[in-house]
Amino acid sequence: MNSTAGATTPRPHLDADQSRPSAVVSLDASLARLGKRFDWGHIEEDAYRAEWARLRAQREELVGRTAERALPPLPLVSLMQG
């Protein structure tokens, strides 16, 4: 039996300065690899579900932060002046 079968891969720490789009792309790739590992039978369903939930939550947090910063709020005065 492979001695690394139960080992998990290191989880990268996301810095505040890290580019949001590249971080989302990285998380999407991690989710795709996770699905393949589950399909191939390399991880159990419970571990798959826990890791999938963790990665999705991390992705949603990044997407939410990106959306918050994407468009600054406009003052109402600028809308009225045309």
Protein backbone atom coordinates (compact mmCIF):
# COMPACT_ATOMS: atom_id res chain seq x y z
CA MET A 1 0.00 0.00 0.00
CA ASN A 2 1.20 3.52 -0.75
CA SER A 3 2.42 5.27 2.40
CA THR A 4 1.13 8.64 1.14
CA ALA A 5 -2.42 7.41 0.52
CA GLY A 6 -3.76 9.18 3.61
CA ALA A 7 -1.60 12.27 3.24
CA THR A 8 -3.19 15.50 2.16
CA THR A 9 -1.65 18.05 -0.12
CA PRO A 10 -0.55 21.32 1.49
CA ARG A 11 -3.16 24.04 1.31
CA PRO A 12 -1.90 27.34 -0.04
CA HIS A 13 -2.44 30.39 2.13
CA LEU A 14 -4.18 33.21 0.28
CA ASP A 15 -2.52 36.56 0.84
CA ALA A 16 -4.50 39.77 0.73
CA ASP A 17 -2.26 40.90 -2.14
CA GLN A 18 -2.88 37.79 -4.23
CA SER A 19 -4.68 38.47 -7.48
CA ARG A 20 -8.33 37.53 -7.01
CA PRO A 21 -8.96 36.23 -10.56
CA SER A 22 -5.90 33.97 -10.47
CA ALA A 23 -6.90 32.76 -7.00
CA VAL A 24 -10.37 31.84 -8.29
CA VAL A 25 -8.83 30.03 -11.27
CA SER A 26 -6.55 28.16 -8.88
CA LEU A 27 -9.48 27.14 -6.68
CA ASP A 28 -11.44 26.00 -9.75
CA ALA A 29 -8.48 23.82 -10.77
CA SER A 30 -8.28 22.42 -7.22
CA LEU A 31 -11.98 21.56 -7.35
CA ALA A 32 -11.50 19.81 -10.70
CA ARG A 33 -8.54 17.79 -9.37
CA LEU A 34 -10.50 16.92 -6.24
CA GLY A 35 -13.32 15.54 -8.39
CA LYS A 36 -10.88 13.41 -10.37
CA ARG A 37 -9.33 12.03 -7.19
CA PHE A 38 -12.79 11.06 -5.96
CA ASP A 39 -13.75 9.54 -9.33
CA TRP A 40 -10.56 7.47 -9.34
CA GLY A 41 -11.26 6.23 -5.81
CA HIS A 42 -8.20 7.91 -4.30
CA ILE A 43 -10.22 9.61 -1.54
CA GLU A 44 -13.29 8.59 0.41
CA GLU A 45 -16.65 10.32 -0.02
CA ASP A 46 -16.57 12.00 3.40
CA ALA A 47 -13.13 13.50 2.73
CA TYR A 48 -14.25 14.56 -0.75
CA ARG A 49 -17.37 16.30 0.54
CA ALA A 50 -15.48 18.10 3.33
CA GLU A 51 -12.75 19.33 1.00
CA TRP A 52 -15.26 20.31 -1.69
CA ALA A 53 -17.22 22.38 0.83
CA ARG A 54 -14.02 24.05 2.09
CA LEU A 55 -12.83 24.93 -1.41
CA ARG A 56 -16.26 26.19 -2.52
CA ALA A 57 -16.57 28.38 0.57
CA GLN A 58 -13.11 29.80 -0.07
CA ARG A 59 -14.01 30.44 -3.71
CA GLU A 60 -17.30 32.13 -2.84
CA GLU A 61 -15.50 34.34 -0.32
CA LEU A 62 -13.02 35.43 -2.99
CA VAL A 63 -15.72 36.03 -5.58
CA GLY A 64 -17.71 38.05 -3.05
CA ARG A 65 -14.70 40.17 -2.15
CA THR A 66 -13.94 40.71 -5.83
CA ALA A 67 -17.51 41.82 -6.51
CA GLU A 68 -17.40 44.22 -3.56
CA ARG A 69 -14.27 45.87 -4.91
CA ALA A 70 -15.16 45.78 -8.59
CA LEU A 71 -17.52 48.73 -8.68
CA PRO A 72 -17.20 51.50 -6.14
CA PRO A 73 -20.50 53.02 -5.07
CA LEU A 74 -21.47 56.08 -7.07
CA PRO A 75 -22.70 59.13 -5.24
CA LEU A 76 -26.38 59.75 -5.98
CA VAL A 77 -25.59 63.30 -6.99
CA SER A 78 -23.68 62.06 -10.09
CA LEU A 79 -26.70 60.07 -11.23
CA MET A 80 -29.00 63.07 -10.95
CA GLN A 81 -26.67 65.42 -12.82
CA GLY A 82 -26.42 63.06 -15.79
